[in-house]
PDB file of N, CA and C in Angstrom:
ATOM      1  N   MET A   1      68.124-105.246  29.097  1.00  0.00           N
ATOM      2  CA  MET A   1      67.558-103.963  29.473  1.00  0.00           C
ATOM      3  C   MET A   1      67.164-103.149  28.245  1.00  0.00           C
ATOM      4  N   LYS A   2      68.017-103.192  27.203  1.00  0.00           N
ATOM      5  CA  LYS A   2      67.725-102.464  25.979  1.00  0.00           C
ATOM      6  C   LYS A   2      66.476-103.016  25.303  1.00  0.00           C
ATOM      7  N   LYS A   3      66.278-104.333  25.376  1.00  0.00           N
ATOM      8  CA  LYS A   3      65.107-104.949  24.754  1.00  0.00           C
ATOM      9  C   LYS A   3      63.827-104.517  25.474  1.00  0.00           C
ATOM     10  N   ILE A   4      63.880-104.424  26.792  1.00  0.00           N
ATOM     11  CA  ILE A   4      62.707-103.999  27.557  1.00  0.00           C
ATOM     12  C   ILE A   4      62.372-102.552  27.223  1.00  0.00           C
ATOM     13  N   PHE A   5      63.396-101.707  27.180  1.00  0.00           N
ATOM     14  CA  PHE A   5      63.181-100.301  26.840  1.00  0.00           C
ATOM     15  C   PHE A   5      62.591-100.167  25.438  1.00  0.00           C
ATOM     16  N   ALA A   6      63.125-100.926  24.487  1.00  0.00           N
ATOM     17  CA  ALA A   6      62.629-100.882  23.114  1.00  0.00           C
ATOM     18  C   ALA A   6      61.175-101.357  23.060  1.00  0.00           C
ATOM     19  N   ALA A   7      60.836-102.374  23.832  1.00  0.00           N
ATOM     20  CA  ALA A   7      59.465-102.886  23.851  1.00  0.00           C
ATOM     21  C   ALA A   7      58.509-101.837  24.421  1.00  0.00           C
ATOM     22  N   VAL A   8      58.920-101.166  25.478  1.00  0.00           N
ATOM     23  CA  VAL A   8      58.084-100.129  26.088  1.00  0.00           C
ATOM     24  C   VAL A   8      57.863 -98.988  25.095  1.00  0.00           C
ATOM     25  N   VAL A   9      58.904 -98.565  24.421  1.00  0.00           N
ATOM     26  CA  VAL A   9      58.798 -97.494  23.432  1.00  0.00           C
ATOM     27  C   VAL A   9      57.877 -97.923  22.292  1.00  0.00           C
ATOM     28  N   LEU A  10      58.001 -99.156  21.851  1.00  0.00           N
ATOM     29  CA  LEU A  10      57.171 -99.673  20.770  1.00  0.00           C
ATOM     30  C   LEU A  10      55.692 -99.714  21.179  1.00  0.00           C
ATOM     31  N   ILE A  11      55.409-100.170  22.384  1.00  0.00           N
ATOM     32  CA  ILE A  11      54.032-100.216  22.874  1.00  0.00           C
ATOM     33  C   ILE A  11      53.463 -98.806  22.992  1.00  0.00           C
ATOM     34  N   TYR A  12      54.258 -97.900  23.505  1.00  0.00           N
ATOM     35  CA  TYR A  12      53.838 -96.502  23.639  1.00  0.00           C
ATOM     36  C   TYR A  12      53.508 -95.899  22.274  1.00  0.00           C
ATOM     37  N   ALA A  13      54.385 -96.133  21.303  1.00  0.00           N
ATOM     38  CA  ALA A  13      54.171 -95.599  19.956  1.00  0.00           C
ATOM     39  C   ALA A  13      52.929 -96.223  19.319  1.00  0.00           C
ATOM     40  N   ALA A  14      52.732 -97.517  19.500  1.00  0.00           N
ATOM     41  CA  ALA A  14      51.571 -98.194  18.930  1.00  0.00           C
ATOM     42  C   ALA A  14      50.281 -97.652  19.537  1.00  0.00           C
ATOM     43  N   TYR A  15      50.277 -97.430  20.833  1.00  0.00           N
ATOM     44  CA  TYR A  15      49.095 -96.885  21.510  1.00  0.00           C
ATOM     45  C   TYR A  15      48.721 -95.526  20.931  1.00  0.00           C
ATOM     46  N   HIS A  16      49.704 -94.659  20.752  1.00  0.00           N
ATOM     47  CA  HIS A  16      49.429 -93.322  20.232  1.00  0.00           C
ATOM     48  C   HIS A  16      49.063 -93.354  18.753  1.00  0.00           C
ATOM     49  N   LEU A  17      49.589 -94.296  18.009  1.00  0.00           N
ATOM     50  CA  LEU A  17      49.221 -94.434  16.606  1.00  0.00           C
ATOM     51  C   LEU A  17      47.759 -94.852  16.488  1.00  0.00           C
ATOM     52  N   VAL A  18      47.334 -95.797  17.307  1.00  0.00           N
ATOM     53  CA  VAL A  18      45.938 -96.234  17.297  1.00  0.00           C
ATOM     54  C   VAL A  18      45.029 -95.083  17.724  1.00  0.00           C
ATOM     55  N   SER A  19      45.433 -94.322  18.728  1.00  0.00           N
ATOM     56  CA  SER A  19      44.641 -93.164  19.174  1.00  0.00           C
ATOM     57  C   SER A  19      44.518 -92.132  18.064  1.00  0.00           C
ATOM     58  N   PHE A  20      45.574 -91.952  17.312  1.00  0.00           N
ATOM     59  CA  PHE A  20      45.571 -90.984  16.212  1.00  0.00           C
ATOM     60  C   PHE A  20      44.660 -91.446  15.090  1.00  0.00           C
ATOM     61  N   MET A  21      44.642 -92.737  14.825  1.00  0.00           N
ATOM     62  CA  MET A  21      43.823 -93.281  13.744  1.00  0.00           C
ATOM     63  C   MET A  21      42.338 -93.320  14.125  1.00  0.00           C
ATOM     64  N   ASN A  22      42.035 -93.317  15.418  1.00  0.00           N
ATOM     65  CA  ASN A  22      40.663 -93.369  15.890  1.00  0.00           C
ATOM     66  C   ASN A  22      40.413 -92.163  16.795  1.00  0.00           C
ATOM     67  N   PRO A  23      40.289 -90.957  16.194  1.00  0.00           N
ATOM     68  CA  PRO A  23      40.128 -89.753  17.019  1.00  0.00           C
ATOM     69  C   PRO A  23      38.796 -89.778  17.770  1.00  0.00           C
ATOM     70  N   PRO A  24      38.723 -89.099  18.895  1.00  0.00           N
ATOM     71  CA  PRO A  24      37.477 -89.083  19.660  1.00  0.00           C
ATOM     72  C   PRO A  24      36.348 -88.401  18.883  1.00  0.00           C
ATOM     73  N   VAL A  25      35.149 -88.845  19.135  1.00  0.00           N
ATOM     74  CA  VAL A  25      33.967 -88.274  18.500  1.00  0.00           C
ATOM     75  C   VAL A  25      33.200 -87.492  19.569  1.00  0.00           C
ATOM     76  N   TYR A  26      32.795 -86.289  19.215  1.00  0.00           N
ATOM     77  CA  TYR A  26      32.083 -85.433  20.158  1.00  0.00           C
ATOM     78  C   TYR A  26      30.670 -85.159  19.650  1.00  0.00           C
ATOM     79  N   GLU A  27      29.763 -84.957  20.575  1.00  0.00           N
ATOM     80  CA  GLU A  27      28.418 -84.537  20.228  1.00  0.00           C
ATOM     81  C   GLU A  27      28.081 -83.297  21.045  1.00  0.00           C
ATOM     82  N   SER A  28      27.239 -82.468  20.464  1.00  0.00           N
ATOM     83  CA  SER A  28      26.828 -81.256  21.179  1.00  0.00           C
ATOM     84  C   SER A  28      25.730 -81.585  22.177  1.00  0.00           C
ATOM     85  N   LYS A  29      25.873 -81.036  23.345  1.00  0.00           N
ATOM     86  CA  LYS A  29      24.870 -81.174  24.397  1.00  0.00           C
ATOM     87  C   LYS A  29      24.588 -79.756  24.882  1.00  0.00           C
ATOM     88  N   LEU A  30      23.351 -79.338  24.772  1.00  0.00           N
ATOM     89  CA  LEU A  30      23.006 -77.969  25.158  1.00  0.00           C
ATOM     90  C   LEU A  30      22.574 -77.918  26.614  1.00  0.00           C
ATOM     91  N   GLU A  31      23.111 -76.940  27.315  1.00  0.00           N
ATOM     92  CA  GLU A  31      22.649 -76.620  28.659  1.00  0.00           C
ATOM     93  C   GLU A  31      22.192 -75.167  28.627  1.00  0.00           C
ATOM     94  N   TYR A  32      21.386 -74.803  29.593  1.00  0.00           N
ATOM     95  CA  TYR A  32      20.820 -73.461  29.629  1.00  0.00           C
ATOM     96  C   TYR A  32      21.105 -72.822  30.976  1.00  0.00           C
ATOM     97  N   HIS A  33      21.436 -71.535  30.930  1.00  0.00           N
ATOM     98  CA  HIS A  33      21.751 -70.791  32.143  1.00  0.00           C
ATOM     99  C   HIS A  33      20.854 -69.563  32.201  1.00  0.00           C
ATOM    100  N   ARG A  34      20.123 -69.408  33.295  1.00  0.00           N
ATOM    101  CA  ARG A  34      19.296 -68.206  33.488  1.00  0.00           C
ATOM    102  C   ARG A  34      20.164 -67.147  34.169  1.00  0.00           C
ATOM    103  N   VAL A  35      20.235 -65.984  33.566  1.00  0.00           N
ATOM    104  CA  VAL A  35      21.074 -64.892  34.059  1.00  0.00           C
ATOM    105  C   VAL A  35      20.493 -64.327  35.355  1.00  0.00           C
ATOM    106  N   VAL A  36      21.376 -64.200  36.350  1.00  0.00           N
ATOM    107  CA  VAL A  36      21.007 -63.563  37.613  1.00  0.00           C
ATOM    108  C   VAL A  36      21.857 -62.304  37.761  1.00  0.00           C
ATOM    109  N   GLN A  37      21.521 -61.478  38.741  1.00  0.00           N
ATOM    110  CA  GLN A  37      22.245 -60.227  38.934  1.00  0.00           C
ATOM    111  C   GLN A  37      23.732 -60.502  39.156  1.00  0.00           C
ATOM    112  N   GLY A  38      24.567 -59.765  38.457  1.00  0.00           N
ATOM    113  CA  GLY A  38      26.011 -59.897  38.590  1.00  0.00           C
ATOM    114  C   GLY A  38      26.649 -60.821  37.564  1.00  0.00           C
ATOM    115  N   ASP A  39      25.844 -61.594  36.826  1.00  0.00           N
ATOM    116  CA  ASP A  39      26.396 -62.487  35.803  1.00  0.00           C
ATOM    117  C   ASP A  39      26.969 -61.695  34.643  1.00  0.00           C
ATOM    118  N   THR A  40      28.073 -62.180  34.131  1.00  0.00           N
ATOM    119  CA  THR A  40      28.634 -61.673  32.882  1.00  0.00           C
ATOM    120  C   THR A  40      28.819 -62.873  31.974  1.00  0.00           C
ATOM    121  N   LEU A  41      28.938 -62.636  30.698  1.00  0.00           N
ATOM    122  CA  LEU A  41      29.140 -63.739  29.768  1.00  0.00           C
ATOM    123  C   LEU A  41      30.432 -64.475  30.109  1.00  0.00           C
ATOM    124  N   TRP A  42      31.444 -63.731  30.479  1.00  0.00           N
ATOM    125  CA  TRP A  42      32.734 -64.320  30.851  1.00  0.00           C
ATOM    126  C   TRP A  42      32.566 -65.255  32.053  1.00  0.00           C
ATOM    127  N   PHE A  43      31.852 -64.803  33.084  1.00  0.00           N
ATOM    128  CA  PHE A  43      31.620 -65.605  34.284  1.00  0.00           C
ATOM    129  C   PHE A  43      30.818 -66.862  33.956  1.00  0.00           C
ATOM    130  N   ILE A  44      29.779 -66.721  33.146  1.00  0.00           N
ATOM    131  CA  ILE A  44      28.948 -67.866  32.771  1.00  0.00           C
ATOM    132  C   ILE A  44      29.783 -68.883  31.988  1.00  0.00           C
ATOM    133  N   ALA A  45      30.545 -68.405  31.003  1.00  0.00           N
ATOM    134  CA  ALA A  45      31.384 -69.303  30.206  1.00  0.00           C
ATOM    135  C   ALA A  45      32.399 -70.020  31.094  1.00  0.00           C
ATOM    136  N   GLU A  46      32.972 -69.296  32.041  1.00  0.00           N
ATOM    137  CA  GLU A  46      33.953 -69.886  32.947  1.00  0.00           C
ATOM    138  C   GLU A  46      33.332 -70.989  33.806  1.00  0.00           C
ATOM    139  N   SER A  47      32.093 -70.794  34.241  1.00  0.00           N
ATOM    140  CA  SER A  47      31.467 -71.786  35.118  1.00  0.00           C
ATOM    141  C   SER A  47      31.105 -73.072  34.380  1.00  0.00           C
ATOM    142  N   TYR A  48      30.968 -73.030  33.059  1.00  0.00           N
ATOM    143  CA  TYR A  48      30.653 -74.231  32.279  1.00  0.00           C
ATOM    144  C   TYR A  48      31.873 -74.801  31.546  1.00  0.00           C
ATOM    145  N   TYR A  49      32.980 -74.105  31.573  1.00  0.00           N
ATOM    146  CA  TYR A  49      34.179 -74.496  30.811  1.00  0.00           C
ATOM    147  C   TYR A  49      34.647 -75.909  31.141  1.00  0.00           C
ATOM    148  N   GLY A  50      34.654 -76.287  32.403  1.00  0.00           N
ATOM    149  CA  GLY A  50      35.144 -77.600  32.807  1.00  0.00           C
ATOM    150  C   GLY A  50      34.147 -78.731  32.624  1.00  0.00           C
ATOM    151  N   LYS A  51      32.933 -78.433  32.199  1.00  0.00           N
ATOM    152  CA  LYS A  51      31.911 -79.463  32.039  1.00  0.00           C
ATOM    153  C   LYS A  51      31.957 -80.162  30.690  1.00  0.00           C
ATOM    154  N   GLN A  52      32.792 -79.695  29.777  1.00  0.00           N
ATOM    155  CA  GLN A  52      32.855 -80.321  28.465  1.00  0.00           C
ATOM    156  C   GLN A  52      34.113 -81.178  28.355  1.00  0.00           C
ATOM    157  N   ASP A  53      34.068 -82.129  27.443  1.00  0.00           N
ATOM    158  CA  ASP A  53      35.198 -83.039  27.266  1.00  0.00           C
ATOM    159  C   ASP A  53      36.217 -82.511  26.267  1.00  0.00           C
ATOM    160  N   LYS A  54      35.772 -81.708  25.326  1.00  0.00           N
ATOM    161  CA  LYS A  54      36.685 -81.199  24.299  1.00  0.00           C
ATOM    162  C   LYS A  54      37.477 -80.032  24.868  1.00  0.00           C
ATOM    163  N   ILE A  55      38.778 -80.143  24.772  1.00  0.00           N
ATOM    164  CA  ILE A  55      39.660 -79.111  25.309  1.00  0.00           C
ATOM    165  C   ILE A  55      39.781 -77.987  24.276  1.00  0.00           C
ATOM    166  N   THR A  56      39.498 -76.775  24.699  1.00  0.00           N
ATOM    167  CA  THR A  56      39.656 -75.610  23.834  1.00  0.00           C
ATOM    168  C   THR A  56      40.335 -74.504  24.626  1.00  0.00           C
ATOM    169  N   ASN A  57      40.839 -73.556  23.911  1.00  0.00           N
ATOM    170  CA  ASN A  57      41.377 -72.348  24.512  1.00  0.00           C
ATOM    171  C   ASN A  57      40.198 -71.606  25.134  1.00  0.00           C
ATOM    172  N   PHE A  58      40.381 -71.010  26.306  1.00  0.00           N
ATOM    173  CA  PHE A  58      39.263 -70.355  26.986  1.00  0.00           C
ATOM    174  C   PHE A  58      38.661 -69.229  26.155  1.00  0.00           C
ATOM    175  N   ASN A  59      39.486 -68.456  25.463  1.00  0.00           N
ATOM    176  CA  ASN A  59      38.959 -67.373  24.625  1.00  0.00           C
ATOM    177  C   ASN A  59      38.094 -67.924  23.494  1.00  0.00           C
ATOM    178  N   GLU A  60      38.503 -69.069  22.917  1.00  0.00           N
ATOM    179  CA  GLU A  60      37.689 -69.717  21.888  1.00  0.00           C
ATOM    180  C   GLU A  60      36.354 -70.175  22.478  1.00  0.00           C
ATOM    181  N   TRP A  61      36.388 -70.655  23.719  1.00  0.00           N
ATOM    182  CA  TRP A  61      35.180 -71.113  24.391  1.00  0.00           C
ATOM    183  C   TRP A  61      34.199 -69.958  24.587  1.00  0.00           C
ATOM    184  N   VAL A  62      34.702 -68.810  25.041  1.00  0.00           N
ATOM    185  CA  VAL A  62      33.844 -67.635  25.230  1.00  0.00           C
ATOM    186  C   VAL A  62      33.239 -67.234  23.881  1.00  0.00           C
ATOM    187  N   TYR A  63      34.051 -67.257  22.824  1.00  0.00           N
ATOM    188  CA  TYR A  63      33.549 -66.928  21.487  1.00  0.00           C
ATOM    189  C   TYR A  63      32.453 -67.907  21.060  1.00  0.00           C
ATOM    190  N   THR A  64      32.630 -69.197  21.351  1.00  0.00           N
ATOM    191  CA  THR A  64      31.632 -70.212  21.005  1.00  0.00           C
ATOM    192  C   THR A  64      30.307 -69.933  21.702  1.00  0.00           C
ATOM    193  N   VAL A  65      30.370 -69.565  22.977  1.00  0.00           N
ATOM    194  CA  VAL A  65      29.141 -69.253  23.725  1.00  0.00           C
ATOM    195  C   VAL A  65      28.483 -68.000  23.152  1.00  0.00           C
ATOM    196  N   ARG A  66      29.288 -66.981  22.833  1.00  0.00           N
ATOM    197  CA  ARG A  66      28.745 -65.749  22.239  1.00  0.00           C
ATOM    198  C   ARG A  66      28.055 -66.067  20.913  1.00  0.00           C
ATOM    199  N   LYS A  67      28.720 -66.855  20.075  1.00  0.00           N
ATOM    200  CA  LYS A  67      28.184 -67.205  18.758  1.00  0.00           C
ATOM    201  C   LYS A  67      26.899 -68.019  18.884  1.00  0.00           C
ATOM    202  N   ALA A  68      26.855 -68.966  19.818  1.00  0.00           N
ATOM    203  CA  ALA A  68      25.672 -69.813  20.003  1.00  0.00           C
ATOM    204  C   ALA A  68      24.454 -68.994  20.408  1.00  0.00           C
ATOM    205  N   ASN A  69      24.686 -67.848  21.025  1.00  0.00           N
ATOM    206  CA  ASN A  69      23.583 -67.010  21.496  1.00  0.00           C
ATOM    207  C   ASN A  69      23.323 -65.803  20.600  1.00  0.00           C
ATOM    208  N   GLY A  70      24.089 -65.697  19.526  1.00  0.00           N
ATOM    209  CA  GLY A  70      23.889 -64.591  18.590  1.00  0.00           C
ATOM    210  C   GLY A  70      24.277 -63.241  19.162  1.00  0.00           C
ATOM    211  N   PHE A  71      25.216 -63.230  20.104  1.00  0.00           N
ATOM    212  CA  PHE A  71      25.652 -61.963  20.694  1.00  0.00           C
ATOM    213  C   PHE A  71      26.678 -61.318  19.768  1.00  0.00           C
ATOM    214  N   HIS A  72      26.366 -60.130  19.312  1.00  0.00           N
ATOM    215  CA  HIS A  72      27.275 -59.369  18.460  1.00  0.00           C
ATOM    216  C   HIS A  72      27.529 -58.036  19.127  1.00  0.00           C
ATOM    217  N   GLY A  73      28.740 -57.564  19.012  1.00  0.00           N
ATOM    218  CA  GLY A  73      29.053 -56.263  19.597  1.00  0.00           C
ATOM    219  C   GLY A  73      28.995 -56.304  21.113  1.00  0.00           C
ATOM    220  N   LYS A  74      28.498 -55.240  21.708  1.00  0.00           N
ATOM    221  CA  LYS A  74      28.471 -55.123  23.164  1.00  0.00           C
ATOM    222  C   LYS A  74      27.083 -55.404  23.712  1.00  0.00           C
ATOM    223  N   ARG A  75      26.570 -56.562  23.455  1.00  0.00           N
ATOM    224  CA  ARG A  75      25.247 -56.965  23.953  1.00  0.00           C
ATOM    225  C   ARG A  75      25.348 -57.159  25.457  1.00  0.00           C
ATOM    226  N   HIS A  76      24.504 -56.488  26.211  1.00  0.00           N
ATOM    227  CA  HIS A  76      24.492 -56.636  27.662  1.00  0.00           C
ATOM    228  C   HIS A  76      23.445 -57.655  28.068  1.00  0.00           C
ATOM    229  N   LEU A  77      23.800 -58.496  29.023  1.00  0.00           N
ATOM    230  CA  LEU A  77      22.863 -59.482  29.534  1.00  0.00           C
ATOM    231  C   LEU A  77      21.849 -58.810  30.444  1.00  0.00           C
ATOM    232  N   GLN A  78      20.645 -59.304  30.401  1.00  0.00           N
ATOM    233  CA  GLN A  78      19.582 -58.806  31.264  1.00  0.00           C
ATOM    234  C   GLN A  78      19.204 -59.913  32.244  1.00  0.00           C
ATOM    235  N   ILE A  79      18.850 -59.555  33.447  1.00  0.00           N
ATOM    236  CA  ILE A  79      18.418 -60.538  34.433  1.00  0.00           C
ATOM    237  C   ILE A  79      17.227 -61.301  33.858  1.00  0.00           C
ATOM    238  N   GLY A  80      17.300 -62.624  33.924  1.00  0.00           N
ATOM    239  CA  GLY A  80      16.241 -63.474  33.394  1.00  0.00           C
ATOM    240  C   GLY A  80      16.520 -64.010  32.002  1.00  0.00           C
ATOM    241  N   ASP A  81      17.509 -63.432  31.290  1.00  0.00           N
ATOM    242  CA  ASP A  81      17.883 -63.970  29.975  1.00  0.00           C
ATOM    243  C   ASP A  81      18.298 -65.428  30.116  1.00  0.00           C
ATOM    244  N   ILE A  82      18.060 -66.203  29.072  1.00  0.00           N
ATOM    245  CA  ILE A  82      18.509 -67.590  29.034  1.00  0.00           C
ATOM    246  C   ILE A  82      19.702 -67.658  28.081  1.00  0.00           C
ATOM    247  N   VAL A  83      20.830 -68.136  28.575  1.00  0.00           N
ATOM    248  CA  VAL A  83      22.043 -68.270  27.774  1.00  0.00           C
ATOM    249  C   VAL A  83      22.215 -69.743  27.428  1.00  0.00           C
ATOM    250  N   VAL A  84      22.370 -70.039  26.140  1.00  0.00           N
ATOM    251  CA  VAL A  84      22.579 -71.404  25.666  1.00  0.00           C
ATOM    252  C   VAL A  84      24.064 -71.732  25.785  1.00  0.00           C
ATOM    253  N   ILE A  85      24.352 -72.881  26.385  1.00  0.00           N
ATOM    254  CA  ILE A  85      25.736 -73.327  26.560  1.00  0.00           C
ATOM    255  C   ILE A  85      25.927 -74.585  25.714  1.00  0.00           C
ATOM    256  N   PRO A  86      26.691 -74.506  24.591  1.00  0.00           N
ATOM    257  CA  PRO A  86      26.879 -75.657  23.705  1.00  0.00           C
ATOM    258  C   PRO A  86      28.093 -76.505  24.113  1.00  0.00           C
ATOM    259  N   LEU A  87      27.871 -77.448  25.013  1.00  0.00           N
ATOM    260  CA  LEU A  87      28.965 -78.297  25.479  1.00  0.00           C
ATOM    261  C   LEU A  87      29.308 -79.344  24.430  1.00  0.00           C
ATOM    262  N   GLN A  88      30.588 -79.676  24.333  1.00  0.00           N
ATOM    263  CA  GLN A  88      31.050 -80.736  23.435  1.00  0.00           C
ATOM    264  C   GLN A  88      31.442 -81.935  24.300  1.00  0.00           C
ATOM    265  N   CYS A  89      30.642 -82.982  24.261  1.00  0.00           N
ATOM    266  CA  CYS A  89      30.853 -84.155  25.103  1.00  0.00           C
ATOM    267  C   CYS A  89      31.287 -85.335  24.252  1.00  0.00           C
ATOM    268  N   ARG A  90      32.229 -86.071  24.765  1.00  0.00           N
ATOM    269  CA  ARG A  90      32.756 -87.227  24.041  1.00  0.00           C
ATOM    270  C   ARG A  90      31.721 -88.344  23.991  1.00  0.00           C
ATOM    271  N   VAL A  91      31.571 -88.929  22.812  1.00  0.00           N
ATOM    272  CA  VAL A  91      30.667 -90.063  22.638  1.00  0.00           C
ATOM    273  C   VAL A  91      31.431 -91.317  23.050  1.00  0.00           C
ATOM    274  N   ARG A  92      30.860 -92.073  23.936  1.00  0.00           N
ATOM    275  CA  ARG A  92      31.505 -93.312  24.394  1.00  0.00           C
ATOM    276  C   ARG A  92      31.418 -94.358  23.291  1.00  0.00           C
ATOM    277  N   GLN A  93      32.552 -94.907  22.917  1.00  0.00           N
ATOM    278  CA  GLN A  93      32.587 -95.900  21.842  1.00  0.00           C
ATOM    279  C   GLN A  93      32.862 -97.278  22.389  1.00  0.00           C
TER     280      GLN A  93
END
């Protein structure tokens, strides 16, 4: 029983070591969102948050969307504006 447990632990450790040595590669994929009445940057960012493969803190994600669009300070969205959404998608290896 101890040998089986040790083998399982060894396989688990080896798997994670290989994953660590070969980190995932991401590429940027741009999507575009046309602002409609009632949209906020927070709402738009939230609706695209689950579409990317790279896990980030939600506040960091909102900041990334703001930065990609050059929003500084209290920029208000206007109906018809196009918001760039910079998704980070994993490259299949």
